[in-house]
Every structure is written in C-alpha cells, then in structure tokens.
C-alpha cells in the first residue's frame, strides 16, 4: 500500500525570524512602560539671535520708508504739477498722470491732499512714537478740516485704537463727531467745480455724477449751477474735483456754452449729448466734443 506524500514544512528565513524577534522586543519594551503616550522626545532648540542695534535702526528706517510711501508720492506729484514738469510730453497734468503712473485724476489729487495732512500731523506727533498714518485712506476723511482739527482728530483716533495706527473707519467716525460738535464751516468757494452725489437724495434724482459750479456758499449747503439749471445741494452730496483756478475757469466757459444751447424744446438726441457733456470728469473738451458743441451752438445758440 502506497504511503501518502509527506507535507513539506515551509522554510522560515532568518530575516523573518529576526523581524519577529525585533517585534516581540518592541512589544515587550512598550508593555514595560507605564504610559506609552507620556513618552518624551528630546528636541534640540535653535537659538534665534537678537537684532543688533544697527539692525534695529535699519528695520525702523525701512518700515518708515514703507509707511511714508504715499506721502512721498503726494509730495512728488505736487511738485510735478506746480512746476508743470509734464509740459514737454503732455498737455495736461491729468493726461500725464494717467499715462505715466496709471492714475485717475482723483487718485493723484487724493495723494497730494494726503501729503498736506501728513505734513501737518508730523508737526503735532512725536516722530519717535511712530504713530503716523500709513496709507492715504486713513488721511482722506481729514482733508476738509482745518490743520488744528486734523491734529485733534488723529490724536483721538490713535487713543481709540489703543495707541496703534487707527484704521480709516475710526478716523472717519472721529471726524464726524468733531464736525457735529463744532459745525465745521463750509469750505467750498465761489467758482469751485464739484460733482453731485445723488445717493439717498430723491431731490437730486438724475443729477448723480453731474458736475456743477458753486455760485453761492451757505452754512451747510451750496447753490450749484449745472448744465440745465441751479440746485441747492447739501455738503454731504458734493465732492470737489480740486481743480486749479485756471481749470475752474475753463469749466465755467463750458458751462456757459452748454446753458446757452440747452432748452426743454430740444430733441432728445441733442439733450442726451448735452447731458453727457454735463457729466465730464475733466476740465476740458476733446477735439470731437468741441466740434459737436460748436455745431449745436451754430444751430441752436
């Protein structure tokens, strides 16, 4: 009778035996610990060297250069405008800023206004305190105030911010409080060109964005003459274009020309053209606009 074949035992490699032995050893080591989760790991600390006095001075100097960037830009733009250093390549300061820096006219004048306020605040604030505006938006709410009021606003805004540079929101709130307390005077002047802001004022519906020329200054409002009439506008619904006197004169001439042409009996297409001229945000007409207005003057003037 044939005997059944004998089963061969699988050979166990030395490596497997060693692995099993190592695993058992680890398990034994872990089991011998009272709490494996409480095991500590030694980490070598890396010492961070303190700044030297020279490095601290360099840091402060560079930080202030970053913070004063908007101020330096405003000062430079003011000099470029006042000395008309753009005249060899551009007819107007507005065109120069747009093509050279990518600025709208409003951006350039906001920076110039901010530089004036910053200069004033430097006289009041101790430079060593390092608490001065760091961007144009923090300064913008103060541009219509008197120098002494600007300093008062900044000091109070810093206090309300816990001794830190205040955000524009806090500065704006302090400005509003001071204006309500002191009833700050109307700073608009006769002949000044401003834009009408019709938001939240149904009486100015259809006039939003139109420019007008101030011909009467009241305590809290102005009488503003636009391309189709005269309106009384509260200060909160006006925004100055900050035009130079010569530019205001140019806008006055354009306004007079449009007024002589306009009447309610005009065709709608003519009215639409005059209305578009009444919303210009620059103190001059392009060559095409000049030709169109001249045609209307010869036809209806």
C-alpha atoms as a PDB file:
ATOM      1  CA  UNK A   1       0.000   0.000   0.000  1.00  0.00           C
ATOM      2  CA  UNK A   2       1.342   3.341  -1.067  1.00  0.00           C
ATOM      3  CA  UNK A   3       2.011   5.869   1.693  1.00  0.00           C
ATOM      4  CA  UNK A   4       0.541   9.394   1.265  1.00  0.00           C
ATOM      5  CA  UNK A   5       3.077  12.025   0.362  1.00  0.00           C
ATOM      6  CA  UNK A   6       4.550  13.883   3.332  1.00  0.00           C
ATOM      7  CA  UNK A   7       3.884  17.654   3.556  1.00  0.00           C
ATOM      8  CA  UNK A   8       6.934  19.794   3.462  1.00  0.00           C
ATOM      9  CA  UNK A   9       7.380  22.411   6.160  1.00  0.00           C
ATOM     10  CA  UNK A  10       7.770  25.934   4.862  1.00  0.00           C
ATOM     11  CA  UNK A  11      11.252  27.254   5.334  1.00  0.00           C
ATOM     12  CA  UNK A  12      11.428  30.272   7.626  1.00  0.00           C
ATOM     13  CA  UNK A  13      14.040  32.787   6.561  1.00  0.00           C
ATOM     14  CA  UNK A  14      16.490  34.234   9.006  1.00  0.00           C
ATOM     15  CA  UNK A  15      15.193  37.723   8.223  1.00  0.00           C
ATOM     16  CA  UNK A  16      11.634  36.767   9.168  1.00  0.00           C
ATOM     17  CA  UNK A  17      12.854  35.279  12.409  1.00  0.00           C
ATOM     18  CA  UNK A  18      14.818  38.425  13.157  1.00  0.00           C
ATOM     19  CA  UNK A  19      11.783  40.632  12.401  1.00  0.00           C
ATOM     20  CA  UNK A  20       9.570  38.618  14.674  1.00  0.00           C
ATOM     21  CA  UNK A  21      12.178  38.773  17.389  1.00  0.00           C
ATOM     22  CA  UNK A  22      12.512  42.541  16.992  1.00  0.00           C
ATOM     23  CA  UNK A  23       8.741  42.998  17.080  1.00  0.00           C
ATOM     24  CA  UNK A  24       8.490  40.944  20.249  1.00  0.00           C
ATOM     25  CA  UNK A  25      11.265  43.004  21.771  1.00  0.00           C
ATOM     26  CA  UNK A  26       9.457  46.284  20.922  1.00  0.00           C
ATOM     27  CA  UNK A  27       6.187  44.950  22.335  1.00  0.00           C
ATOM     28  CA  UNK A  28       7.977  43.954  25.493  1.00  0.00           C
ATOM     29  CA  UNK A  29       9.563  47.403  25.773  1.00  0.00           C
ATOM     30  CA  UNK A  30       6.193  49.122  25.290  1.00  0.00           C
ATOM     31  CA  UNK A  31       4.469  46.810  27.717  1.00  0.00           C
ATOM     32  CA  UNK A  32       7.076  47.635  30.301  1.00  0.00           C
ATOM     33  CA  UNK A  33       6.216  51.382  30.091  1.00  0.00           C
ATOM     34  CA  UNK A  34       3.553  52.547  32.443  1.00  0.00           C
ATOM     35  CA  UNK A  35       2.083  55.040  29.895  1.00  0.00           C
ATOM     36  CA  UNK A  36       3.458  54.963  26.298  1.00  0.00           C
ATOM     37  CA  UNK A  37       1.605  58.177  25.498  1.00  0.00           C
ATOM     38  CA  UNK A  38       3.662  60.073  28.024  1.00  0.00           C
ATOM     39  CA  UNK A  39       6.935  59.324  26.291  1.00  0.00           C
ATOM     40  CA  UNK A  40       9.013  62.461  25.726  1.00  0.00           C
ATOM     41  CA  UNK A  41      11.060  63.398  22.678  1.00  0.00           C
ATOM     42  CA  UNK A  42      14.172  65.449  23.004  1.00  0.00           C
ATOM     43  CA  UNK A  43      14.319  68.363  20.531  1.00  0.00           C
ATOM     44  CA  UNK A  44      17.376  70.479  20.083  1.00  0.00           C
ATOM     45  CA  UNK A  45      16.486  74.171  20.430  1.00  0.00           C
ATOM     46  CA  UNK A  46      17.705  76.561  17.728  1.00  0.00           C
ATOM     47  CA  UNK A  47      18.755  79.870  19.137  1.00  0.00           C
ATOM     48  CA  UNK A  48      17.449  82.944  17.200  1.00  0.00           C
ATOM     49  CA  UNK A  49      19.918  85.768  17.563  1.00  0.00           C
ATOM     50  CA  UNK A  50      18.554  89.118  18.695  1.00  0.00           C
ATOM     51  CA  UNK A  51      18.800  92.079  16.332  1.00  0.00           C
ATOM     52  CA  UNK A  52      21.837  94.210  16.805  1.00  0.00           C
ATOM     53  CA  UNK A  53      21.383  97.924  17.438  1.00  0.00           C
ATOM     54  CA  UNK A  54      22.348  98.626  13.828  1.00  0.00           C
ATOM     55  CA  UNK A  55      19.799  96.100  12.537  1.00  0.00           C
ATOM     56  CA  UNK A  56      17.095  97.622  14.727  1.00  0.00           C
ATOM     57  CA  UNK A  57      17.857 101.050  13.294  1.00  0.00           C
ATOM     58  CA  UNK A  58      17.791  99.656   9.750  1.00  0.00           C
ATOM     59  CA  UNK A  59      14.457  97.959  10.382  1.00  0.00           C
ATOM     60  CA  UNK A  60      12.864 101.119  11.768  1.00  0.00           C
ATOM     61  CA  UNK A  61      14.240 103.173   8.863  1.00  0.00           C
ATOM     62  CA  UNK A  62      12.884 100.742   6.250  1.00  0.00           C
ATOM     63  CA  UNK A  63       9.489 100.452   7.980  1.00  0.00           C
ATOM     64  CA  UNK A  64       9.109 104.206   7.937  1.00  0.00           C
ATOM     65  CA  UNK A  65      10.018 104.339   4.248  1.00  0.00           C
ATOM     66  CA  UNK A  66       7.208 101.855   3.513  1.00  0.00           C
ATOM     67  CA  UNK A  67       4.737 103.775   5.675  1.00  0.00           C
ATOM     68  CA  UNK A  68       5.661 107.136   4.128  1.00  0.00           C
ATOM     69  CA  UNK A  69       5.429 105.896   0.528  1.00  0.00           C
ATOM     70  CA  UNK A  70       2.036 107.517  -0.071  1.00  0.00           C
ATOM     71  CA  UNK A  71       3.292 110.770   1.500  1.00  0.00           C
ATOM     72  CA  UNK A  72       6.379 110.884  -0.713  1.00  0.00           C
ATOM     73  CA  UNK A  73       4.218 110.153  -3.766  1.00  0.00           C
ATOM     74  CA  UNK A  74       1.884 113.017  -2.913  1.00  0.00           C
ATOM     75  CA  UNK A  75       4.769 115.464  -2.405  1.00  0.00           C
ATOM     76  CA  UNK A  76       6.339 114.431  -5.723  1.00  0.00           C
ATOM     77  CA  UNK A  77       3.054 114.784  -7.622  1.00  0.00           C
ATOM     78  CA  UNK A  78       2.515 118.240  -6.154  1.00  0.00           C
ATOM     79  CA  UNK A  79       5.930 119.404  -7.354  1.00  0.00           C
ATOM     80  CA  UNK A  80       5.382 117.859 -10.796  1.00  0.00           C
ATOM     81  CA  UNK A  81       2.088 119.732 -11.090  1.00  0.00           C
ATOM     82  CA  UNK A  82       3.195 123.072  -9.646  1.00  0.00           C
ATOM     83  CA  UNK A  83       6.335 123.258 -11.781  1.00  0.00           C
ATOM     84  CA  UNK A  84       4.496 121.825 -14.827  1.00  0.00           C
ATOM     85  CA  UNK A  85       7.306 119.353 -15.398  1.00  0.00           C
ATOM     86  CA  UNK A  86       4.976 117.321 -17.609  1.00  0.00           C
ATOM     87  CA  UNK A  87       4.633 120.070 -20.258  1.00  0.00           C
ATOM     88  CA  UNK A  88       7.237 118.683 -22.683  1.00  0.00           C
ATOM     89  CA  UNK A  89       5.248 115.487 -23.266  1.00  0.00           C
ATOM     90  CA  UNK A  90       1.643 116.120 -22.153  1.00  0.00           C
ATOM     91  CA  UNK A  91      -0.857 118.947 -22.462  1.00  0.00           C
ATOM     92  CA  UNK A  92      -2.425 118.410 -19.049  1.00  0.00           C
ATOM     93  CA  UNK A  93      -1.377 117.091 -15.659  1.00  0.00           C
ATOM     94  CA  UNK A  94      -4.297 114.638 -15.791  1.00  0.00           C
ATOM     95  CA  UNK A  95      -3.108 113.051 -19.047  1.00  0.00           C
ATOM     96  CA  UNK A  96       0.437 112.850 -17.700  1.00  0.00           C
ATOM     97  CA  UNK A  97      -0.605 111.031 -14.500  1.00  0.00           C
ATOM     98  CA  UNK A  98      -2.833 108.626 -16.387  1.00  0.00           C
ATOM     99  CA  UNK A  99      -0.211 107.647 -18.961  1.00  0.00           C
ATOM    100  CA  UNK A 100       2.863 107.769 -16.701  1.00  0.00           C
ATOM    101  CA  UNK A 101       1.508 106.295 -13.453  1.00  0.00           C
ATOM    102  CA  UNK A 102      -1.853 104.759 -14.390  1.00  0.00           C
ATOM    103  CA  UNK A 103      -3.584 107.204 -12.018  1.00  0.00           C
ATOM    104  CA  UNK A 104      -7.025 108.647 -12.447  1.00  0.00           C
ATOM    105  CA  UNK A 105      -7.139 112.377 -11.752  1.00  0.00           C
ATOM    106  CA  UNK A 106      -8.871 111.675  -8.450  1.00  0.00           C
ATOM    107  CA  UNK A 107      -6.117 109.274  -7.334  1.00  0.00           C
ATOM    108  CA  UNK A 108      -3.421 111.871  -7.917  1.00  0.00           C
ATOM    109  CA  UNK A 109      -5.229 114.619  -6.031  1.00  0.00           C
ATOM    110  CA  UNK A 110      -6.085 112.316  -3.142  1.00  0.00           C
ATOM    111  CA  UNK A 111      -2.379 111.583  -2.716  1.00  0.00           C
ATOM    112  CA  UNK A 112      -1.496 115.283  -2.904  1.00  0.00           C
ATOM    113  CA  UNK A 113      -4.155 116.197  -0.328  1.00  0.00           C
ATOM    114  CA  UNK A 114      -2.964 113.374   1.929  1.00  0.00           C
ATOM    115  CA  UNK A 115       0.611 114.661   1.795  1.00  0.00           C
ATOM    116  CA  UNK A 116      -0.528 118.055   3.094  1.00  0.00           C
ATOM    117  CA  UNK A 117      -2.357 116.442   6.027  1.00  0.00           C
ATOM    118  CA  UNK A 118       0.594 114.145   6.781  1.00  0.00           C
ATOM    119  CA  UNK A 119       2.934 117.149   6.928  1.00  0.00           C
ATOM    120  CA  UNK A 120       0.589 118.811   9.391  1.00  0.00           C
ATOM    121  CA  UNK A 121       0.353 115.707  11.602  1.00  0.00           C
ATOM    122  CA  UNK A 122       4.136 115.409  11.766  1.00  0.00           C
ATOM    123  CA  UNK A 123       4.238 118.788  13.499  1.00  0.00           C
ATOM    124  CA  UNK A 124       1.889 117.507  16.219  1.00  0.00           C
ATOM    125  CA  UNK A 125       3.007 113.900  16.657  1.00  0.00           C
ATOM    126  CA  UNK A 126       6.330 112.872  18.136  1.00  0.00           C
ATOM    127  CA  UNK A 127       8.113 111.007  15.315  1.00  0.00           C
ATOM    128  CA  UNK A 128       9.652 108.676  17.892  1.00  0.00           C
ATOM    129  CA  UNK A 129       6.171 107.431  18.803  1.00  0.00           C
ATOM    130  CA  UNK A 130       5.961 106.013  15.301  1.00  0.00           C
ATOM    131  CA  UNK A 131       2.184 106.591  15.244  1.00  0.00           C
ATOM    132  CA  UNK A 132       1.565 108.333  11.948  1.00  0.00           C
ATOM    133  CA  UNK A 133      -0.708 107.411   9.010  1.00  0.00           C
ATOM    134  CA  UNK A 134       0.464 104.511   6.895  1.00  0.00           C
ATOM    135  CA  UNK A 135      -1.868 104.914   3.906  1.00  0.00           C
ATOM    136  CA  UNK A 136      -3.904 107.557   2.118  1.00  0.00           C
ATOM    137  CA  UNK A 137      -7.317 106.190   3.202  1.00  0.00           C
ATOM    138  CA  UNK A 138      -6.545 106.932   6.861  1.00  0.00           C
ATOM    139  CA  UNK A 139      -5.943 110.573   5.972  1.00  0.00           C
ATOM    140  CA  UNK A 140      -8.743 111.118   3.458  1.00  0.00           C
ATOM    141  CA  UNK A 141     -11.544 111.958   5.984  1.00  0.00           C
ATOM    142  CA  UNK A 142      -9.450 114.831   7.394  1.00  0.00           C
ATOM    143  CA  UNK A 143      -8.629 116.708   4.196  1.00  0.00           C
ATOM    144  CA  UNK A 144     -11.538 119.173   4.532  1.00  0.00           C
ATOM    145  CA  UNK A 145     -10.702 120.097   8.136  1.00  0.00           C
ATOM    146  CA  UNK A 146      -8.537 122.895   9.456  1.00  0.00           C
ATOM    147  CA  UNK A 147      -4.953 121.912  10.434  1.00  0.00           C
ATOM    148  CA  UNK A 148      -5.685 122.113  14.168  1.00  0.00           C
ATOM    149  CA  UNK A 149      -8.772 119.935  13.743  1.00  0.00           C
ATOM    150  CA  UNK A 150      -6.772 117.392  11.745  1.00  0.00           C
ATOM    151  CA  UNK A 151      -4.311 117.053  14.604  1.00  0.00           C
ATOM    152  CA  UNK A 152      -7.127 116.703  17.122  1.00  0.00           C
ATOM    153  CA  UNK A 153      -8.793 114.007  15.046  1.00  0.00           C
ATOM    154  CA  UNK A 154      -5.596 111.991  14.707  1.00  0.00           C
ATOM    155  CA  UNK A 155      -4.758 112.116  18.418  1.00  0.00           C
ATOM    156  CA  UNK A 156      -8.271 110.949  19.371  1.00  0.00           C
ATOM    157  CA  UNK A 157      -8.300 108.233  16.705  1.00  0.00           C
ATOM    158  CA  UNK A 158      -4.977 106.871  17.992  1.00  0.00           C
ATOM    159  CA  UNK A 159      -6.372 106.835  21.543  1.00  0.00           C
ATOM    160  CA  UNK A 160      -9.491 104.960  20.417  1.00  0.00           C
ATOM    161  CA  UNK A 161      -7.255 102.416  18.646  1.00  0.00           C
ATOM    162  CA  UNK A 162      -5.351 101.600  21.811  1.00  0.00           C
ATOM    163  CA  UNK A 163      -2.240 103.551  20.901  1.00  0.00           C
ATOM    164  CA  UNK A 164      -1.933 101.966  17.471  1.00  0.00           C
ATOM    165  CA  UNK A 165      -2.311 103.355  13.947  1.00  0.00           C
ATOM    166  CA  UNK A 166      -6.098 103.708  13.537  1.00  0.00           C
ATOM    167  CA  UNK A 167      -7.976 102.322  10.540  1.00  0.00           C
ATOM    168  CA  UNK A 168      -9.813 104.721   8.222  1.00  0.00           C
ATOM    169  CA  UNK A 169     -13.145 103.730   9.789  1.00  0.00           C
ATOM    170  CA  UNK A 170     -12.180 105.091  13.214  1.00  0.00           C
ATOM    171  CA  UNK A 171     -10.700 108.272  11.718  1.00  0.00           C
ATOM    172  CA  UNK A 172     -13.928 108.882   9.804  1.00  0.00           C
ATOM    173  CA  UNK A 173     -16.023 108.418  12.944  1.00  0.00           C
ATOM    174  CA  UNK A 174     -13.910 110.912  14.905  1.00  0.00           C
ATOM    175  CA  UNK A 175     -14.127 113.430  12.052  1.00  0.00           C
ATOM    176  CA  UNK A 176     -17.915 113.116  12.073  1.00  0.00           C
ATOM    177  CA  UNK A 177     -18.039 113.664  15.833  1.00  0.00           C
ATOM    178  CA  UNK A 178     -15.908 116.796  15.609  1.00  0.00           C
ATOM    179  CA  UNK A 179     -17.901 118.192  12.692  1.00  0.00           C
ATOM    180  CA  UNK A 180     -21.144 117.693  14.611  1.00  0.00           C
ATOM    181  CA  UNK A 181     -19.645 119.316  17.697  1.00  0.00           C
ATOM    182  CA  UNK A 182     -18.008 122.279  16.037  1.00  0.00           C
ATOM    183  CA  UNK A 183     -20.272 122.623  12.995  1.00  0.00           C
ATOM    184  CA  UNK A 184     -17.249 122.898  10.758  1.00  0.00           C
ATOM    185  CA  UNK A 185     -17.678 125.726   8.231  1.00  0.00           C
ATOM    186  CA  UNK A 186     -18.452 125.177   4.603  1.00  0.00           C
ATOM    187  CA  UNK A 187     -15.071 125.111   2.841  1.00  0.00           C
ATOM    188  CA  UNK A 188     -16.387 125.371  -0.730  1.00  0.00           C
ATOM    189  CA  UNK A 189     -15.611 128.574  -2.635  1.00  0.00           C
ATOM    190  CA  UNK A 190     -17.406 130.526  -5.337  1.00  0.00           C
ATOM    191  CA  UNK A 191     -16.478 129.214  -8.754  1.00  0.00           C
ATOM    192  CA  UNK A 192     -15.314 125.839  -7.440  1.00  0.00           C
ATOM    193  CA  UNK A 193     -16.249 122.846  -9.574  1.00  0.00           C
ATOM    194  CA  UNK A 194     -17.805 119.878  -7.797  1.00  0.00           C
ATOM    195  CA  UNK A 195     -19.566 116.632  -8.606  1.00  0.00           C
ATOM    196  CA  UNK A 196     -23.097 115.965  -7.382  1.00  0.00           C
ATOM    197  CA  UNK A 197     -23.631 112.767  -5.354  1.00  0.00           C
ATOM    198  CA  UNK A 198     -27.340 111.975  -5.584  1.00  0.00           C
ATOM    199  CA  UNK A 199     -27.370 108.837  -3.418  1.00  0.00           C
ATOM    200  CA  UNK A 200     -30.161 108.838  -0.786  1.00  0.00           C
ATOM    201  CA  UNK A 201     -31.464 112.212  -2.020  1.00  0.00           C
ATOM    202  CA  UNK A 202     -34.563 111.900  -4.242  1.00  0.00           C
ATOM    203  CA  UNK A 203     -34.487 115.645  -4.940  1.00  0.00           C
ATOM    204  CA  UNK A 204     -31.260 115.133  -6.918  1.00  0.00           C
ATOM    205  CA  UNK A 205     -32.543 112.184  -8.934  1.00  0.00           C
ATOM    206  CA  UNK A 206     -30.996 112.191 -12.384  1.00  0.00           C
ATOM    207  CA  UNK A 207     -28.191 114.530 -11.304  1.00  0.00           C
ATOM    208  CA  UNK A 208     -25.820 111.922  -9.897  1.00  0.00           C
ATOM    209  CA  UNK A 209     -22.379 112.319 -11.460  1.00  0.00           C
ATOM    210  CA  UNK A 210     -23.131 115.747 -12.963  1.00  0.00           C
ATOM    211  CA  UNK A 211     -20.620 118.496 -12.394  1.00  0.00           C
ATOM    212  CA  UNK A 212     -21.645 121.941 -11.303  1.00  0.00           C
ATOM    213  CA  UNK A 213     -20.138 125.272 -10.409  1.00  0.00           C
ATOM    214  CA  UNK A 214     -20.660 126.740  -6.941  1.00  0.00           C
ATOM    215  CA  UNK A 215     -22.285 130.178  -7.170  1.00  0.00           C
ATOM    216  CA  UNK A 216     -23.480 130.552  -3.579  1.00  0.00           C
ATOM    217  CA  UNK A 217     -21.981 129.199  -0.340  1.00  0.00           C
ATOM    218  CA  UNK A 218     -24.320 128.595   2.579  1.00  0.00           C
ATOM    219  CA  UNK A 219     -23.623 127.244   6.054  1.00  0.00           C
ATOM    220  CA  UNK A 220     -24.360 123.586   5.261  1.00  0.00           C
ATOM    221  CA  UNK A 221     -25.131 123.659   1.534  1.00  0.00           C
ATOM    222  CA  UNK A 222     -24.227 125.320  -1.746  1.00  0.00           C
ATOM    223  CA  UNK A 223     -26.151 126.595  -4.740  1.00  0.00           C
ATOM    224  CA  UNK A 224     -24.660 124.743  -7.702  1.00  0.00           C
ATOM    225  CA  UNK A 225     -25.288 125.608 -11.351  1.00  0.00           C
ATOM    226  CA  UNK A 226     -25.290 122.655 -13.723  1.00  0.00           C
ATOM    227  CA  UNK A 227     -25.797 122.344 -17.479  1.00  0.00           C
ATOM    228  CA  UNK A 228     -29.595 122.597 -17.154  1.00  0.00           C
ATOM    229  CA  UNK A 229     -30.288 124.735 -14.081  1.00  0.00           C
ATOM    230  CA  UNK A 230     -29.428 125.563 -10.495  1.00  0.00           C
ATOM    231  CA  UNK A 231     -29.764 123.291  -7.460  1.00  0.00           C
ATOM    232  CA  UNK A 232     -29.242 123.620  -3.728  1.00  0.00           C
ATOM    233  CA  UNK A 233     -27.022 120.737  -2.646  1.00  0.00           C
ATOM    234  CA  UNK A 234     -26.052 119.706   0.889  1.00  0.00           C
ATOM    235  CA  UNK A 235     -22.373 119.312   1.655  1.00  0.00           C
ATOM    236  CA  UNK A 236     -22.773 115.549   2.095  1.00  0.00           C
ATOM    237  CA  UNK A 237     -23.926 115.331  -1.540  1.00  0.00           C
ATOM    238  CA  UNK A 238     -20.977 117.208  -3.028  1.00  0.00           C
ATOM    239  CA  UNK A 239     -17.430 116.215  -3.915  1.00  0.00           C
ATOM    240  CA  UNK A 240     -14.861 118.731  -5.070  1.00  0.00           C
ATOM    241  CA  UNK A 241     -12.814 117.999  -8.186  1.00  0.00           C
ATOM    242  CA  UNK A 242      -9.961 120.043  -6.676  1.00  0.00           C
ATOM    243  CA  UNK A 243      -9.407 121.853  -9.957  1.00  0.00           C
ATOM    244  CA  UNK A 244      -6.875 124.630 -10.248  1.00  0.00           C
ATOM    245  CA  UNK A 245      -8.284 128.169 -10.695  1.00  0.00           C
ATOM    246  CA  UNK A 246      -7.471 128.081 -14.410  1.00  0.00           C
ATOM    247  CA  UNK A 247      -9.291 124.764 -14.787  1.00  0.00           C
ATOM    248  CA  UNK A 248     -12.318 126.120 -12.918  1.00  0.00           C
ATOM    249  CA  UNK A 249     -12.385 128.996 -15.401  1.00  0.00           C
ATOM    250  CA  UNK A 250     -12.370 126.556 -18.299  1.00  0.00           C
ATOM    251  CA  UNK A 251     -15.303 124.665 -16.795  1.00  0.00           C
ATOM    252  CA  UNK A 252     -17.162 127.956 -16.305  1.00  0.00           C
ATOM    253  CA  UNK A 253     -16.807 128.669 -20.032  1.00  0.00           C
ATOM    254  CA  UNK A 254     -18.048 125.183 -20.952  1.00  0.00           C
ATOM    255  CA  UNK A 255     -20.994 125.597 -18.579  1.00  0.00           C
ATOM    256  CA  UNK A 256     -21.937 128.935 -20.147  1.00  0.00           C
ATOM    257  CA  UNK A 257     -21.802 127.474 -23.641  1.00  0.00           C
ATOM    258  CA  UNK A 258     -23.981 124.498 -22.736  1.00  0.00           C
ATOM    259  CA  UNK A 259     -26.507 126.714 -20.924  1.00  0.00           C
ATOM    260  CA  UNK A 260     -26.908 128.961 -23.971  1.00  0.00           C
ATOM    261  CA  UNK A 261     -27.739 125.951 -26.133  1.00  0.00           C
ATOM    262  CA  UNK A 262     -29.969 123.983 -23.755  1.00  0.00           C
ATOM    263  CA  UNK A 263     -33.747 124.266 -23.654  1.00  0.00           C
ATOM    264  CA  UNK A 264     -36.629 121.899 -22.916  1.00  0.00           C
ATOM    265  CA  UNK A 265     -37.746 122.027 -26.539  1.00  0.00           C
ATOM    266  CA  UNK A 266     -34.614 120.379 -27.893  1.00  0.00           C
ATOM    267  CA  UNK A 267     -34.698 116.948 -29.481  1.00  0.00           C
ATOM    268  CA  UNK A 268     -33.886 114.058 -27.178  1.00  0.00           C
ATOM    269  CA  UNK A 269     -30.663 113.209 -29.013  1.00  0.00           C
ATOM    270  CA  UNK A 270     -29.417 116.771 -28.509  1.00  0.00           C
ATOM    271  CA  UNK A 271     -30.403 116.713 -24.851  1.00  0.00           C
ATOM    272  CA  UNK A 272     -28.546 113.425 -24.400  1.00  0.00           C
ATOM    273  CA  UNK A 273     -25.397 114.907 -25.908  1.00  0.00           C
ATOM    274  CA  UNK A 274     -25.545 117.961 -23.663  1.00  0.00           C
ATOM    275  CA  UNK A 275     -26.194 115.744 -20.654  1.00  0.00           C
ATOM    276  CA  UNK A 276     -23.085 113.667 -21.418  1.00  0.00           C
ATOM    277  CA  UNK A 277     -21.037 116.885 -21.549  1.00  0.00           C
ATOM    278  CA  UNK A 278     -22.565 117.776 -18.183  1.00  0.00           C
ATOM    279  CA  UNK A 279     -21.001 114.661 -16.622  1.00  0.00           C
ATOM    280  CA  UNK A 280     -17.413 115.171 -17.718  1.00  0.00           C
ATOM    281  CA  UNK A 281     -14.788 114.433 -15.081  1.00  0.00           C
ATOM    282  CA  UNK A 282     -12.104 116.554 -16.744  1.00  0.00           C
ATOM    283  CA  UNK A 283     -11.774 120.321 -17.184  1.00  0.00           C
ATOM    284  CA  UNK A 284     -11.653 120.370 -20.990  1.00  0.00           C
ATOM    285  CA  UNK A 285     -13.379 119.123 -24.145  1.00  0.00           C
ATOM    286  CA  UNK A 286     -11.811 116.692 -26.570  1.00  0.00           C
ATOM    287  CA  UNK A 287     -11.483 117.738 -30.216  1.00  0.00           C
ATOM    288  CA  UNK A 288     -14.613 115.766 -31.168  1.00  0.00           C
ATOM    289  CA  UNK A 289     -16.627 117.181 -28.245  1.00  0.00           C
ATOM    290  CA  UNK A 290     -15.548 120.696 -29.200  1.00  0.00           C
ATOM    291  CA  UNK A 291     -16.750 120.191 -32.783  1.00  0.00           C
ATOM    292  CA  UNK A 292     -20.095 118.750 -31.671  1.00  0.00           C
ATOM    293  CA  UNK A 293     -20.740 121.585 -29.229  1.00  0.00           C
ATOM    294  CA  UNK A 294     -19.775 124.149 -31.882  1.00  0.00           C
ATOM    295  CA  UNK A 295     -22.301 122.613 -34.290  1.00  0.00           C
ATOM    296  CA  UNK A 296     -25.037 122.802 -31.656  1.00  0.00           C
ATOM    297  CA  UNK A 297     -24.106 126.405 -30.887  1.00  0.00           C
ATOM    298  CA  UNK A 298     -24.414 127.373 -34.543  1.00  0.00           C
ATOM    299  CA  UNK A 299     -27.724 125.529 -34.807  1.00  0.00           C
ATOM    300  CA  UNK A 300     -29.431 126.415 -31.526  1.00  0.00           C
ATOM    301  CA  UNK A 301     -27.319 129.086 -29.827  1.00  0.00           C
END
